[in-house]
Amino acid sequence: MFDRADACEASREHRADACEATREHRADACEATQGNRAEVAGRRAQRGSAVILMPLVLAGAIVISVVIVHTARIVQARSRAQHAADAAALAALVEGADGAARLATANGATVVRIEVDDDQAFVEVVRDGVHAEARAERSPGG
């Protein structure tokens, strides 16, 4: 049956397996520790990078903001000049060149040129340094 020698042999094999498993576990733990050390060292090397990057990001955001505000002002100036020209062209059809000049001045623009015929008007104005042109025509029934 099962004798004492077999039991001792089985016990030795079991201890040997346990010992081998322990060695593997320790080797894995050692490798993990070495990996953690490398990771920590990498983080230490990058520690000051945020101090360098933040001013660059902030400067970029400021430049983008300035460009957006400048572009918005240009678009607004063009829009105001064009509205003044459109209104003056319509006024030229109804009231003539004098009415167009009065309305352009009321809108903050300076008249550069006005051409008025029976059925159409052309007006060129300058407002805030921006030139704008507009044409208006009478409708055939009106």
C-alpha atoms as a PDB file:
ATOM      1  CA  MET A   1       0.000   0.000   0.000  1.00  0.00           C
ATOM      2  CA  PHE A   2       1.143   3.387   0.873  1.00  0.00           C
ATOM      3  CA  ASP A   3       4.233   3.394   2.958  1.00  0.00           C
ATOM      4  CA  ARG A   4       6.157   5.970   4.769  1.00  0.00           C
ATOM      5  CA  ALA A   5       8.856   6.305   2.092  1.00  0.00           C
ATOM      6  CA  ASP A   6       6.210   7.184  -0.514  1.00  0.00           C
ATOM      7  CA  ALA A   7       4.728   9.763   1.812  1.00  0.00           C
ATOM      8  CA  CYS A   8       8.132  11.370   2.357  1.00  0.00           C
ATOM      9  CA  GLU A   9       8.776  11.436  -1.380  1.00  0.00           C
ATOM     10  CA  ALA A  10       5.396  13.041  -2.054  1.00  0.00           C
ATOM     11  CA  SER A  11       6.023  15.598   0.655  1.00  0.00           C
ATOM     12  CA  ARG A  12       9.420  16.479  -0.838  1.00  0.00           C
ATOM     13  CA  GLU A  13       7.913  16.913  -4.308  1.00  0.00           C
ATOM     14  CA  HIS A  14       5.176  19.114  -2.905  1.00  0.00           C
ATOM     15  CA  ARG A  15       7.730  21.271  -1.066  1.00  0.00           C
ATOM     16  CA  ALA A  16       9.877  21.480  -4.188  1.00  0.00           C
ATOM     17  CA  ASP A  17       6.861  22.643  -6.225  1.00  0.00           C
ATOM     18  CA  ALA A  18       5.980  25.182  -3.553  1.00  0.00           C
ATOM     19  CA  CYS A  19       9.575  26.373  -3.436  1.00  0.00           C
ATOM     20  CA  GLU A  20       9.654  26.745  -7.231  1.00  0.00           C
ATOM     21  CA  ALA A  21       6.389  28.685  -7.184  1.00  0.00           C
ATOM     22  CA  THR A  22       7.793  30.970  -4.494  1.00  0.00           C
ATOM     23  CA  ARG A  23      10.931  31.595  -6.567  1.00  0.00           C
ATOM     24  CA  GLU A  24       8.814  32.481  -9.621  1.00  0.00           C
ATOM     25  CA  HIS A  25       6.636  34.775  -7.540  1.00  0.00           C
ATOM     26  CA  ARG A  26       9.707  36.522  -6.125  1.00  0.00           C
ATOM     27  CA  ALA A  27      11.201  36.913  -9.614  1.00  0.00           C
ATOM     28  CA  ASP A  28       7.937  38.435 -10.871  1.00  0.00           C
ATOM     29  CA  ALA A  29       7.828  40.751  -7.878  1.00  0.00           C
ATOM     30  CA  CYS A  30      11.435  41.787  -8.476  1.00  0.00           C
ATOM     31  CA  GLU A  31      10.728  42.533 -12.145  1.00  0.00           C
ATOM     32  CA  ALA A  32       7.646  44.542 -11.188  1.00  0.00           C
ATOM     33  CA  THR A  33       9.663  46.534  -8.677  1.00  0.00           C
ATOM     34  CA  GLN A  34      12.305  47.278 -11.273  1.00  0.00           C
ATOM     35  CA  GLY A  35       9.564  48.339 -13.706  1.00  0.00           C
ATOM     36  CA  ASN A  36       8.069  50.638 -11.052  1.00  0.00           C
ATOM     37  CA  ARG A  37      11.478  52.178 -10.440  1.00  0.00           C
ATOM     38  CA  ALA A  38      11.815  52.938 -14.159  1.00  0.00           C
ATOM     39  CA  GLU A  39       8.313  54.434 -14.204  1.00  0.00           C
ATOM     40  CA  VAL A  40       9.055  56.612 -11.180  1.00  0.00           C
ATOM     41  CA  ALA A  41      12.325  57.740 -12.736  1.00  0.00           C
ATOM     42  CA  GLY A  42      10.446  58.637 -15.948  1.00  0.00           C
ATOM     43  CA  ARG A  43       7.938  60.689 -13.966  1.00  0.00           C
ATOM     44  CA  ARG A  44      10.751  62.496 -12.166  1.00  0.00           C
ATOM     45  CA  ALA A  45      12.306  63.395 -15.524  1.00  0.00           C
ATOM     46  CA  GLN A  46       8.974  64.907 -16.675  1.00  0.00           C
ATOM     47  CA  ARG A  47       8.203  66.691 -13.426  1.00  0.00           C
ATOM     48  CA  GLY A  48       9.146  70.198 -14.687  1.00  0.00           C
ATOM     49  CA  SER A  49       7.556  69.864 -18.132  1.00  0.00           C
ATOM     50  CA  ALA A  50       4.209  71.307 -16.972  1.00  0.00           C
ATOM     51  CA  VAL A  51       5.968  74.454 -15.823  1.00  0.00           C
ATOM     52  CA  ILE A  52       7.347  74.896 -19.340  1.00  0.00           C
ATOM     53  CA  LEU A  53       4.177  73.916 -21.207  1.00  0.00           C
ATOM     54  CA  MET A  54       1.657  76.056 -19.319  1.00  0.00           C
ATOM     55  CA  PRO A  55       3.061  79.453 -20.398  1.00  0.00           C
ATOM     56  CA  LEU A  56       3.236  78.224 -23.996  1.00  0.00           C
ATOM     57  CA  VAL A  57      -0.373  77.051 -23.922  1.00  0.00           C
ATOM     58  CA  LEU A  58      -1.455  80.301 -22.265  1.00  0.00           C
ATOM     59  CA  ALA A  59       0.417  82.394 -24.854  1.00  0.00           C
ATOM     60  CA  GLY A  60      -1.209  80.395 -27.667  1.00  0.00           C
ATOM     61  CA  ALA A  61      -4.664  80.946 -26.176  1.00  0.00           C
ATOM     62  CA  ILE A  62      -4.023  84.690 -25.890  1.00  0.00           C
ATOM     63  CA  VAL A  63      -2.858  84.914 -29.519  1.00  0.00           C
ATOM     64  CA  ILE A  64      -5.921  83.017 -30.726  1.00  0.00           C
ATOM     65  CA  SER A  65      -8.201  85.296 -28.674  1.00  0.00           C
ATOM     66  CA  VAL A  66      -6.602  88.428 -30.117  1.00  0.00           C
ATOM     67  CA  VAL A  67      -6.990  87.110 -33.667  1.00  0.00           C
ATOM     68  CA  ILE A  68     -10.664  86.272 -33.063  1.00  0.00           C
ATOM     69  CA  VAL A  69     -11.416  89.721 -31.597  1.00  0.00           C
ATOM     70  CA  HIS A  70      -9.579  91.473 -34.449  1.00  0.00           C
ATOM     71  CA  THR A  71     -11.431  89.435 -37.061  1.00  0.00           C
ATOM     72  CA  ALA A  72     -14.775  90.185 -35.386  1.00  0.00           C
ATOM     73  CA  ARG A  73     -14.035  93.920 -35.468  1.00  0.00           C
ATOM     74  CA  ILE A  74     -13.165  93.767 -39.181  1.00  0.00           C
ATOM     75  CA  VAL A  75     -16.369  91.883 -39.981  1.00  0.00           C
ATOM     76  CA  GLN A  76     -18.412  94.352 -37.932  1.00  0.00           C
ATOM     77  CA  ALA A  77     -16.830  97.359 -39.688  1.00  0.00           C
ATOM     78  CA  ARG A  78     -17.552  95.844 -43.109  1.00  0.00           C
ATOM     79  CA  SER A  79     -21.127  95.123 -42.095  1.00  0.00           C
ATOM     80  CA  ARG A  80     -21.722  98.677 -40.864  1.00  0.00           C
ATOM     81  CA  ALA A  81     -20.229 100.181 -44.021  1.00  0.00           C
ATOM     82  CA  GLN A  82     -22.346  97.917 -46.221  1.00  0.00           C
ATOM     83  CA  HIS A  83     -25.532  98.749 -44.302  1.00  0.00           C
ATOM     84  CA  ALA A  84     -24.819 102.464 -44.707  1.00  0.00           C
ATOM     85  CA  ALA A  85     -24.273 101.982 -48.464  1.00  0.00           C
ATOM     86  CA  ASP A  86     -27.439  99.898 -48.861  1.00  0.00           C
ATOM     87  CA  ALA A  87     -29.569 102.441 -47.010  1.00  0.00           C
ATOM     88  CA  ALA A  88     -28.078 105.328 -48.983  1.00  0.00           C
ATOM     89  CA  ALA A  89     -28.733 103.563 -52.301  1.00  0.00           C
ATOM     90  CA  LEU A  90     -32.394 103.017 -51.394  1.00  0.00           C
ATOM     91  CA  ALA A  91     -32.690 106.626 -50.210  1.00  0.00           C
ATOM     92  CA  ALA A  92     -31.171 107.807 -53.506  1.00  0.00           C
ATOM     93  CA  LEU A  93     -34.041 106.196 -55.417  1.00  0.00           C
ATOM     94  CA  VAL A  94     -36.664 107.866 -53.232  1.00  0.00           C
ATOM     95  CA  GLU A  95     -35.109 111.217 -52.299  1.00  0.00           C
ATOM     96  CA  GLY A  96     -32.256 111.656 -54.795  1.00  0.00           C
ATOM     97  CA  ALA A  97     -28.577 112.298 -54.159  1.00  0.00           C
ATOM     98  CA  ASP A  98     -29.190 114.735 -51.279  1.00  0.00           C
ATOM     99  CA  GLY A  99     -31.326 112.216 -49.384  1.00  0.00           C
ATOM    100  CA  ALA A 100     -28.698 109.529 -49.928  1.00  0.00           C
ATOM    101  CA  ALA A 101     -25.935 111.795 -48.591  1.00  0.00           C
ATOM    102  CA  ARG A 102     -28.017 112.721 -45.509  1.00  0.00           C
ATOM    103  CA  LEU A 103     -28.763 109.084 -44.691  1.00  0.00           C
ATOM    104  CA  ALA A 104     -25.161 107.993 -45.242  1.00  0.00           C
ATOM    105  CA  THR A 105     -23.982 110.739 -42.878  1.00  0.00           C
ATOM    106  CA  ALA A 106     -26.619 109.741 -40.315  1.00  0.00           C
ATOM    107  CA  ASN A 107     -25.181 106.196 -40.443  1.00  0.00           C
ATOM    108  CA  GLY A 108     -21.654 107.485 -39.818  1.00  0.00           C
ATOM    109  CA  ALA A 109     -20.416 107.082 -43.397  1.00  0.00           C
ATOM    110  CA  THR A 110     -18.920 109.501 -45.895  1.00  0.00           C
ATOM    111  CA  VAL A 111     -20.244 109.451 -49.453  1.00  0.00           C
ATOM    112  CA  VAL A 112     -17.550 108.892 -52.076  1.00  0.00           C
ATOM    113  CA  ARG A 113     -19.784 108.666 -55.147  1.00  0.00           C
ATOM    114  CA  ILE A 114     -23.490 108.773 -55.958  1.00  0.00           C
ATOM    115  CA  GLU A 115     -25.016 108.038 -59.365  1.00  0.00           C
ATOM    116  CA  VAL A 116     -28.773 108.301 -59.671  1.00  0.00           C
ATOM    117  CA  ASP A 117     -30.811 107.522 -62.796  1.00  0.00           C
ATOM    118  CA  ASP A 118     -34.567 107.207 -63.131  1.00  0.00           C
ATOM    119  CA  ASP A 119     -34.684 103.501 -62.300  1.00  0.00           C
ATOM    120  CA  GLN A 120     -31.422 102.790 -60.467  1.00  0.00           C
ATOM    121  CA  ALA A 121     -28.909 104.243 -58.030  1.00  0.00           C
ATOM    122  CA  PHE A 122     -25.292 103.461 -57.232  1.00  0.00           C
ATOM    123  CA  VAL A 123     -23.680 104.616 -53.981  1.00  0.00           C
ATOM    124  CA  GLU A 124     -20.121 104.238 -52.705  1.00  0.00           C
ATOM    125  CA  VAL A 125     -19.391 105.130 -49.067  1.00  0.00           C
ATOM    126  CA  VAL A 126     -16.552 104.920 -46.540  1.00  0.00           C
ATOM    127  CA  ARG A 127     -17.157 104.149 -42.896  1.00  0.00           C
ATOM    128  CA  ASP A 128     -14.376 103.514 -40.359  1.00  0.00           C
ATOM    129  CA  GLY A 129     -11.893 103.208 -43.226  1.00  0.00           C
ATOM    130  CA  VAL A 130     -13.934 100.513 -44.990  1.00  0.00           C
ATOM    131  CA  HIS A 131     -15.281 101.100 -48.515  1.00  0.00           C
ATOM    132  CA  ALA A 132     -18.693  99.724 -49.475  1.00  0.00           C
ATOM    133  CA  GLU A 133     -20.793  99.905 -52.611  1.00  0.00           C
ATOM    134  CA  ALA A 134     -24.495  99.334 -53.170  1.00  0.00           C
ATOM    135  CA  ARG A 135     -26.913  99.359 -56.098  1.00  0.00           C
ATOM    136  CA  ALA A 136     -30.647  99.741 -55.924  1.00  0.00           C
ATOM    137  CA  GLU A 137     -33.220  99.412 -58.720  1.00  0.00           C
ATOM    138  CA  ARG A 138     -36.869 100.302 -58.915  1.00  0.00           C
ATOM    139  CA  SER A 139     -39.148  97.399 -59.522  1.00  0.00           C
ATOM    140  CA  PRO A 140     -40.930  97.441 -62.900  1.00  0.00           C
ATOM    141  CA  GLY A 141     -44.363  97.931 -61.298  1.00  0.00           C
ATOM    142  CA  GLY A 142     -43.322 100.477 -58.663  1.00  0.00           C
END
